[in-house]
Amino acid sequence: MLSCSAALFAACNSNPKATDSTVKDSTSVTTQSIPDSANFEADVQGQKVKLFTLKNNSGATVAVTNYGGRLVSLLVPDKDGKATDVILGYDSLKSYQKPKEPYFGAIIGRYGNRIAKGKFTLDGKAYQLDINDGVNTLHGGFNGFYGKVFAAKQLSASQLELTYVSKDGEGGYPGNLTATVVYTLGDDNALKIEYKATTDKTTIVNLTNHAYFNLNGAGNPTITDNVLQINADAFLPVDTTLIPTGKLQPVKGTPFDFTTSKTIGKDIDVADEQLKNGKGYDHNFVLNKHDLTTPVATVKSTVTGITLEVFTEEPGLQFYSGNFLTGETKDGKGGKAYPHRSAFCLETQHFPDAPNQPAFASTVLKPGQTYHTVTIYKFSK
């Protein structure tokens, strides 16, 4: 189906026991660990939920639950060789099931990001999706993949395959869609996410992962000091409901210019209509020409020395600066609060609202076609 290199403008073993390491953040010394797998064992939707671990030979460990295909922990060595958990999440399945949970680490489908008013038309037929974000549909609606139980198969110590069959009409989407996501942790501390999907009826699909990163360490109170570069000369301005206007706006001369590295916080509070609309950064960047050999974004923490490089075949990158995190509860991993702007997301995807904007690269998948795309999050120190 989707050729992710297509034109952008027309022209997303069960863990036997916890492993602890002590790491430094900018305010305190924090214990980083993989949550207890027992806290994730349950029957949900008539299926078994578990916590799986992936390990490599370079000191990295990833914990994944098949509930929503969620990345629960991602421990990588910092500049001192100490394991640092760089993604936000929870210590138990129950917390992932709470109302208005912010999609921590989830596989997002059928459609990552927003669709205006939850409406689109395919082959002359109008479809209405769940409205779960003001007047729009966000991340698949109330029946998104983030709350579904995936069939899980641990292929090796470093690889996990997850499969979910979304029934025709689920969330308002047409077609029985079979989606498979494979997580692979390489010895170069790169987490590869490979997405595939097929359908028996023409539909739309836009899969991504909603990991919330903080390279200072999960639970650190800010990401505004993380240094970010994005290989994009343009971004998609949005209206007040965060739907793209349809225009491409050059980043030059705006707070959205990350073509040269700068801290996330450098321009985040300047007077700008787009920052006001997003309450910070919550925008899709139009990536310059790229392939899986060239990073589309690079982030570095001066606290831990950890660098993240993002590689993808997708045309867009949603940069979200954690504007809606509140820190009102202390139910994060290790009893941590996750306050305002204490994490960022770099969601690789096709553009928001593409089904309603013909100038955007198509997200239509037809019977006989295969949706296939790869994204890699690579860590170094």
Protein backbone atom coordinates (compact mmCIF):
# COMPACT_ATOMS: atom_id res chain seq x y z
CA MET A 1 0.00 0.00 0.00
CA LEU A 2 1.77 3.01 1.34
CA SER A 3 5.15 3.77 -0.05
CA CYS A 4 6.71 5.69 2.81
CA SER A 5 9.18 7.24 0.42
CA ALA A 6 6.35 8.63 -1.71
CA ALA A 7 5.95 12.35 -2.34
CA LEU A 8 4.95 14.18 0.79
CA PHE A 9 2.91 16.91 -0.72
CA ALA A 10 1.13 16.10 -3.87
CA ALA A 11 2.30 17.09 -5.44
CA CYS A 12 3.05 5.51 13.44
CA ASN A 13 9.67 -14.01 28.59
CA SER A 14 7.94 -12.50 30.84
CA ASN A 15 10.29 -10.66 33.16
CA PRO A 16 11.28 -13.00 35.98
CA LYS A 17 12.44 -10.27 38.34
CA ALA A 18 13.32 -6.62 38.48
CA THR A 19 16.81 -5.42 37.68
CA ASP A 20 17.95 -2.29 39.54
CA SER A 21 20.57 0.30 38.71
CA THR A 22 21.19 3.69 40.25
CA VAL A 23 21.45 6.71 37.98
CA LYS A 24 21.77 10.45 38.44
CA ASP A 25 19.28 13.01 37.31
CA SER A 26 19.40 16.78 37.65
CA THR A 27 17.69 16.81 41.03
CA SER A 28 18.32 13.52 42.79
CA VAL A 29 19.59 9.96 42.63
CA THR A 30 16.91 7.63 41.33
CA THR A 31 16.59 3.86 41.25
CA GLN A 32 15.81 2.67 37.74
CA SER A 33 14.31 -0.77 37.26
CA ILE A 34 12.13 -2.97 35.13
CA PRO A 35 8.72 -3.22 36.86
CA ASP A 36 7.72 -6.49 38.53
CA SER A 37 6.15 -8.71 35.87
CA ALA A 38 3.60 -9.99 38.38
CA ASN A 39 1.94 -6.56 38.30
CA PHE A 40 1.14 -7.08 34.61
CA GLU A 41 -0.30 -10.58 34.71
CA ALA A 42 -4.05 -10.49 34.18
CA ASP A 43 -6.92 -11.60 31.98
CA VAL A 44 -8.18 -8.70 29.86
CA GLN A 45 -10.78 -9.01 27.11
CA GLY A 46 -10.58 -12.79 27.65
CA GLN A 47 -6.86 -12.86 26.85
CA LYS A 48 -3.67 -13.13 28.86
CA VAL A 49 -1.68 -9.97 29.50
CA LYS A 50 1.99 -10.27 30.46
CA LEU A 51 5.19 -8.28 30.64
CA PHE A 52 7.96 -9.32 28.26
CA THR A 53 11.62 -8.36 28.38
CA LEU A 54 14.09 -7.84 25.56
CA LYS A 55 17.83 -7.78 26.26
CA ASN A 56 20.95 -7.29 24.20
CA ASN A 57 24.69 -7.71 24.78
CA SER A 58 25.33 -4.02 25.33
CA GLY A 59 23.53 -3.35 28.60
CA ALA A 60 20.11 -2.34 27.31
CA THR A 61 16.79 -3.81 28.45
CA VAL A 62 13.28 -3.15 27.17
CA ALA A 63 10.05 -4.14 28.91
CA VAL A 64 6.89 -4.48 26.80
CA THR A 65 3.36 -5.45 27.72
CA ASN A 66 1.00 -6.90 25.14
CA TYR A 67 -1.71 -4.62 26.55
CA GLY A 68 -1.62 -1.92 23.89
CA GLY A 69 1.78 -3.17 22.78
CA ARG A 70 3.19 -0.67 25.24
CA LEU A 71 6.83 0.06 25.89
CA VAL A 72 6.92 0.07 29.70
CA SER A 73 10.64 0.61 30.33
CA LEU A 74 13.65 1.26 28.14
CA LEU A 75 16.93 1.07 30.06
CA VAL A 76 20.12 2.16 28.30
CA PRO A 77 23.60 2.98 29.67
CA ASP A 78 24.35 6.60 30.52
CA LYS A 79 27.76 8.29 30.24
CA ASP A 80 28.88 6.47 33.40
CA GLY A 81 27.60 3.10 32.16
CA LYS A 82 24.63 3.10 34.54
CA ALA A 83 21.26 1.87 33.28
CA THR A 84 18.84 4.76 32.80
CA ASP A 85 15.15 4.35 32.06
CA VAL A 86 14.41 6.91 29.34
CA ILE A 87 10.64 6.46 28.88
CA LEU A 88 7.69 7.30 31.09
CA GLY A 89 5.27 4.61 32.19
CA TYR A 90 3.76 2.78 35.14
CA ASP A 91 4.63 -0.07 37.48
CA SER A 92 1.37 -1.96 36.96
CA LEU A 93 -1.20 -2.82 34.31
CA LYS A 94 -3.95 -1.16 36.34
CA SER A 95 -2.42 2.29 35.87
CA TYR A 96 -2.38 1.85 32.09
CA GLN A 97 -6.13 1.19 32.22
CA LYS A 98 -7.10 4.35 34.07
CA PRO A 99 -9.36 6.96 32.38
CA LYS A 100 -7.57 9.60 30.28
CA GLU A 101 -4.27 7.74 30.49
CA PRO A 102 -1.95 9.58 28.05
CA TYR A 103 -1.07 6.64 25.75
CA PHE A 104 2.28 5.98 27.47
CA GLY A 105 4.41 3.79 25.19
CA ALA A 106 1.43 2.50 23.21
CA ILE A 107 1.10 1.26 19.66
CA ILE A 108 -1.29 3.74 18.07
CA GLY A 109 -3.82 2.60 15.48
CA ARG A 110 -5.73 2.42 13.37
CA TYR A 111 -4.84 6.02 12.83
CA GLY A 112 -2.16 7.91 14.72
CA ASN A 113 -2.87 11.57 15.41
CA ARG A 114 -6.07 13.48 14.60
CA ILE A 115 -8.84 13.23 12.02
CA ALA A 116 -11.03 16.32 11.74
CA LYS A 117 -14.47 15.77 13.25
CA GLY A 118 -13.86 12.02 12.96
CA LYS A 119 -15.12 12.04 9.37
CA PHE A 120 -13.68 10.81 6.10
CA THR A 121 -14.91 9.38 2.79
CA LEU A 122 -13.61 6.31 0.95
CA ASP A 123 -14.88 5.12 -2.43
CA GLY A 124 -17.81 7.50 -2.12
CA LYS A 125 -18.90 6.23 1.30
CA ALA A 126 -18.82 8.46 4.38
CA TYR A 127 -17.48 7.12 7.67
CA GLN A 128 -17.91 8.49 11.18
CA LEU A 129 -15.31 7.63 13.85
CA ASP A 130 -15.36 8.01 17.61
CA ILE A 131 -15.04 11.62 18.75
CA ASN A 132 -12.64 11.50 21.70
CA ASP A 133 -10.64 14.74 21.44
CA GLY A 134 -12.88 17.78 21.52
CA VAL A 135 -14.55 17.75 18.09
CA ASN A 136 -11.98 15.37 16.56
CA THR A 137 -10.80 11.77 16.62
CA LEU A 138 -7.40 11.18 18.22
CA HIS A 139 -5.23 8.03 18.06
CA GLY A 140 -7.97 5.73 16.80
CA GLY A 141 -10.76 6.94 19.09
CA PHE A 142 -12.15 5.14 22.13
CA ASN A 143 -11.36 1.77 20.53
CA GLY A 144 -7.76 2.49 19.61
CA PHE A 145 -5.00 -0.12 19.68
CA TYR A 146 -3.64 1.42 22.90
CA GLY A 147 -6.35 -0.42 24.86
CA LYS A 148 -6.31 -3.73 23.01
CA VAL A 149 -4.61 -7.01 23.92
CA PHE A 150 -2.16 -8.16 21.25
CA ALA A 151 -1.28 -11.79 20.65
CA ALA A 152 2.38 -12.01 21.67
CA LYS A 153 5.17 -14.27 20.49
CA GLN A 154 8.68 -13.87 21.89
CA LEU A 155 10.85 -14.75 18.90
CA SER A 156 14.17 -14.49 20.75
CA ALA A 157 15.75 -12.83 23.77
CA SER A 158 15.82 -9.58 21.82
CA GLN A 159 12.70 -9.77 19.64
CA LEU A 160 8.95 -9.71 20.30
CA GLU A 161 6.12 -10.04 17.76
CA LEU A 162 2.70 -8.58 18.52
CA THR A 163 -0.44 -9.11 16.42
CA TYR A 164 -3.91 -7.61 16.65
CA VAL A 165 -6.94 -8.11 14.41
CA SER A 166 -9.17 -5.06 14.33
CA LYS A 167 -12.66 -6.06 13.27
CA ASP A 168 -14.62 -4.38 10.51
CA GLY A 169 -16.41 -1.38 12.03
CA GLU A 170 -14.30 -1.18 15.18
CA GLY A 171 -14.13 2.50 16.13
CA GLY A 172 -15.95 3.26 12.88
CA TYR A 173 -13.14 2.07 10.58
CA PRO A 174 -13.96 -0.20 7.62
CA GLY A 175 -12.37 -3.58 7.01
CA ASN A 176 -10.89 -6.39 9.07
CA LEU A 177 -7.34 -5.12 9.60
CA THR A 178 -4.57 -7.49 10.72
CA ALA A 179 -1.69 -5.51 12.22
CA THR A 180 1.67 -6.96 13.25
CA VAL A 181 4.36 -5.04 15.14
CA VAL A 182 7.81 -6.48 15.80
CA TYR A 183 10.12 -4.95 18.42
CA THR A 184 13.80 -5.82 17.96
CA LEU A 185 16.54 -4.65 20.34
CA GLY A 186 19.92 -4.61 18.59
CA ASP A 187 23.35 -4.82 20.17
CA ASP A 188 23.92 -1.24 18.99
CA ASN A 189 21.20 -0.19 21.47
CA ALA A 190 18.77 0.49 18.63
CA LEU A 191 15.13 -0.41 19.16
CA LYS A 192 13.65 -1.27 15.77
CA ILE A 193 9.87 -1.14 15.36
CA GLU A 194 8.53 -2.82 12.22
CA TYR A 195 4.87 -2.37 11.35
CA LYS A 196 2.83 -4.42 8.88
CA ALA A 197 -0.90 -4.46 8.14
CA THR A 198 -3.35 -5.98 5.66
CA THR A 199 -7.08 -5.49 5.16
CA ASP A 200 -10.03 -7.18 3.46
CA LYS A 201 -11.75 -3.87 2.66
CA THR A 202 -10.43 -0.47 1.63
CA THR A 203 -9.52 1.41 4.80
CA ILE A 204 -7.07 3.93 6.26
CA VAL A 205 -4.09 3.13 8.47
CA ASN A 206 -1.35 5.19 10.13
CA LEU A 207 0.53 3.30 12.84
CA THR A 208 3.03 4.77 15.28
CA ASN A 209 4.38 4.41 18.80
CA HIS A 210 3.60 6.90 21.56
CA ALA A 211 6.71 6.59 23.73
CA TYR A 212 7.28 9.55 26.07
CA PHE A 213 11.02 10.15 26.34
CA ASN A 214 13.11 11.95 28.92
CA LEU A 215 16.82 11.39 28.32
CA ASN A 216 17.57 12.79 31.79
CA GLY A 217 15.71 9.71 33.07
CA ALA A 218 12.04 8.93 33.57
CA GLY A 219 10.73 10.97 36.50
CA ASN A 220 13.12 13.86 35.96
CA PRO A 221 10.96 17.00 36.09
CA THR A 222 11.87 18.50 32.71
CA ILE A 223 12.89 17.91 29.11
CA THR A 224 13.32 21.57 28.24
CA ASP A 225 17.10 21.17 28.68
CA ASN A 226 17.28 18.22 26.25
CA VAL A 227 18.97 19.36 23.03
CA LEU A 228 16.97 18.60 19.86
CA GLN A 229 17.64 18.69 16.13
CA ILE A 230 14.99 17.83 13.50
CA ASN A 231 15.84 17.41 9.83
CA ALA A 232 12.80 19.31 8.55
CA ASP A 233 12.61 22.61 6.68
CA ALA A 234 8.83 22.85 7.14
CA PHE A 235 6.07 21.95 9.56
CA LEU A 236 2.28 21.75 9.46
CA PRO A 237 0.56 24.70 11.16
CA VAL A 238 -2.66 23.76 12.95
CA ASP A 239 -5.95 25.38 13.92
CA THR A 240 -7.13 25.74 17.52
CA THR A 241 -8.30 22.09 17.55
CA LEU A 242 -4.83 20.94 16.35
CA ILE A 243 -5.96 19.93 12.86
CA PRO A 244 -3.49 20.90 10.10
CA THR A 245 -4.58 23.90 8.04
CA GLY A 246 -3.29 22.15 4.89
CA LYS A 247 -0.37 24.51 4.42
CA LEU A 248 3.34 23.82 4.76
CA GLN A 249 5.11 26.54 6.70
CA PRO A 250 8.89 26.99 6.53
CA VAL A 251 10.51 26.65 9.96
CA LYS A 252 13.08 29.35 9.24
CA GLY A 253 12.57 32.40 11.40
CA THR A 254 10.06 30.61 13.68
CA PRO A 255 10.29 28.78 17.05
CA PHE A 256 9.89 25.57 15.00
CA ASP A 257 13.36 25.81 13.50
CA PHE A 258 15.25 22.80 14.86
CA THR A 259 17.42 22.42 11.77
CA THR A 260 20.28 23.46 14.06
CA SER A 261 20.41 21.87 17.52
CA LYS A 262 18.87 23.84 20.38
CA THR A 263 17.30 23.06 23.72
CA ILE A 264 13.62 22.17 23.58
CA GLY A 265 12.91 25.02 25.98
CA LYS A 266 14.77 27.75 24.10
CA ASP A 267 11.75 29.10 22.20
CA ILE A 268 8.89 27.12 23.72
CA ASP A 269 7.33 30.08 25.55
CA VAL A 270 7.77 32.82 22.96
CA ALA A 271 4.69 34.65 21.72
CA ASP A 272 3.62 32.60 18.70
CA GLU A 273 0.15 31.66 17.46
CA GLN A 274 1.14 28.08 16.72
CA LEU A 275 2.72 27.54 20.13
CA LYS A 276 -0.42 29.00 21.66
CA ASN A 277 -2.60 26.57 19.68
CA GLY A 278 -0.51 23.58 20.81
CA LYS A 279 0.22 24.89 24.33
CA GLY A 280 3.80 24.28 23.25
CA TYR A 281 5.05 21.97 20.51
CA ASP A 282 2.40 19.53 19.26
CA HIS A 283 3.01 19.67 15.52
CA ASN A 284 3.92 17.45 12.61
CA PHE A 285 7.24 18.21 10.96
CA VAL A 286 7.60 17.63 7.21
CA LEU A 287 10.79 15.60 7.07
CA ASN A 288 13.42 16.37 4.47
CA LYS A 289 14.39 13.58 2.08
CA HIS A 290 15.68 10.64 4.13
CA ASP A 291 15.98 6.89 4.46
CA LEU A 292 16.81 4.48 7.27
CA THR A 293 20.51 5.37 7.11
CA THR A 294 20.04 9.03 8.06
CA PRO A 295 18.55 10.22 11.37
CA VAL A 296 15.53 12.50 11.02
CA ALA A 297 15.91 13.72 14.60
CA THR A 298 18.61 13.71 17.28
CA VAL A 299 18.17 14.47 20.97
CA LYS A 300 20.84 14.66 23.68
CA SER A 301 20.79 15.02 27.46
CA THR A 302 23.64 17.00 29.00
CA VAL A 303 22.71 15.38 32.34
CA THR A 304 23.16 11.71 31.39
CA GLY A 305 25.08 12.07 28.15
CA ILE A 306 22.52 9.86 26.41
CA THR A 307 21.81 10.62 22.75
CA LEU A 308 18.73 9.42 20.86
CA GLU A 309 18.68 9.21 17.07
CA VAL A 310 15.41 8.59 15.23
CA PHE A 311 15.36 6.81 11.86
CA THR A 312 12.18 6.22 9.88
CA GLU A 313 10.62 5.58 6.48
CA GLU A 314 7.68 7.83 7.36
CA PRO A 315 7.21 11.32 5.86
CA GLY A 316 6.24 13.06 9.09
CA LEU A 317 7.36 13.41 12.70
CA GLN A 318 4.96 14.60 15.39
CA PHE A 319 6.99 16.47 18.01
CA TYR A 320 5.04 16.80 21.26
CA SER A 321 6.58 18.51 24.28
CA GLY A 322 4.44 16.93 27.01
CA ASN A 323 2.20 19.97 27.32
CA PHE A 324 -0.75 18.11 28.81
CA LEU A 325 1.18 16.25 31.51
CA THR A 326 0.22 17.63 34.90
CA GLY A 327 2.09 15.73 37.63
CA GLU A 328 -1.10 15.72 39.70
CA THR A 329 -0.59 12.09 40.68
CA LYS A 330 2.52 10.24 41.81
CA ASP A 331 1.69 6.94 40.15
CA GLY A 332 4.58 6.85 37.70
CA LYS A 333 7.32 4.25 37.95
CA GLY A 334 8.87 4.29 41.41
CA GLY A 335 6.12 6.60 42.70
CA LYS A 336 7.27 9.47 40.50
CA ALA A 337 5.09 12.33 39.30
CA TYR A 338 5.23 13.25 35.63
CA PRO A 339 4.78 17.05 35.54
CA HIS A 340 4.23 19.50 32.71
CA ARG A 341 6.86 19.08 29.98
CA SER A 342 8.65 16.22 31.72
CA ALA A 343 8.71 14.15 28.50
CA PHE A 344 8.69 14.55 24.75
CA CYS A 345 7.30 12.37 21.96
CA LEU A 346 8.75 11.91 18.48
CA GLU A 347 6.01 9.98 16.69
CA THR A 348 6.91 8.84 13.18
CA GLN A 349 3.85 8.83 10.93
CA HIS A 350 1.96 10.04 7.90
CA PHE A 351 0.36 13.44 8.31
CA PRO A 352 -2.62 14.15 10.59
CA ASP A 353 -6.01 14.34 8.86
CA ALA A 354 -4.55 12.98 5.61
CA PRO A 355 -7.85 11.22 4.68
CA ASN A 356 -9.43 14.68 4.37
CA GLN A 357 -6.51 16.48 2.75
CA PRO A 358 -5.74 15.20 -0.76
CA ALA A 359 -2.45 17.13 -0.91
CA PHE A 360 -1.04 14.95 1.88
CA ALA A 361 0.51 11.54 1.14
CA SER A 362 -2.24 8.88 1.10
CA THR A 363 -2.99 6.66 4.10
CA VAL A 364 -5.40 4.42 2.16
CA LEU A 365 -4.81 0.66 2.32
CA LYS A 366 -6.61 -1.65 -0.11
CA PRO A 367 -7.13 -5.43 -0.15
CA GLY A 368 -4.09 -7.16 -1.61
CA GLN A 369 -1.73 -4.39 -0.45
CA THR A 370 0.56 -4.52 2.58
CA TYR A 371 1.24 -1.57 4.82
CA HIS A 372 4.89 -1.81 5.85
CA THR A 373 7.09 0.74 7.58
CA VAL A 374 10.09 0.75 9.93
CA THR A 375 11.17 3.17 12.64
CA ILE A 376 14.32 2.92 14.77
CA TYR A 377 15.14 4.63 18.07
CA LYS A 378 18.90 4.35 18.58
CA PHE A 379 20.64 5.26 21.83
CA SER A 380 24.29 6.08 22.46
CA LYS A 381 26.36 7.85 25.09
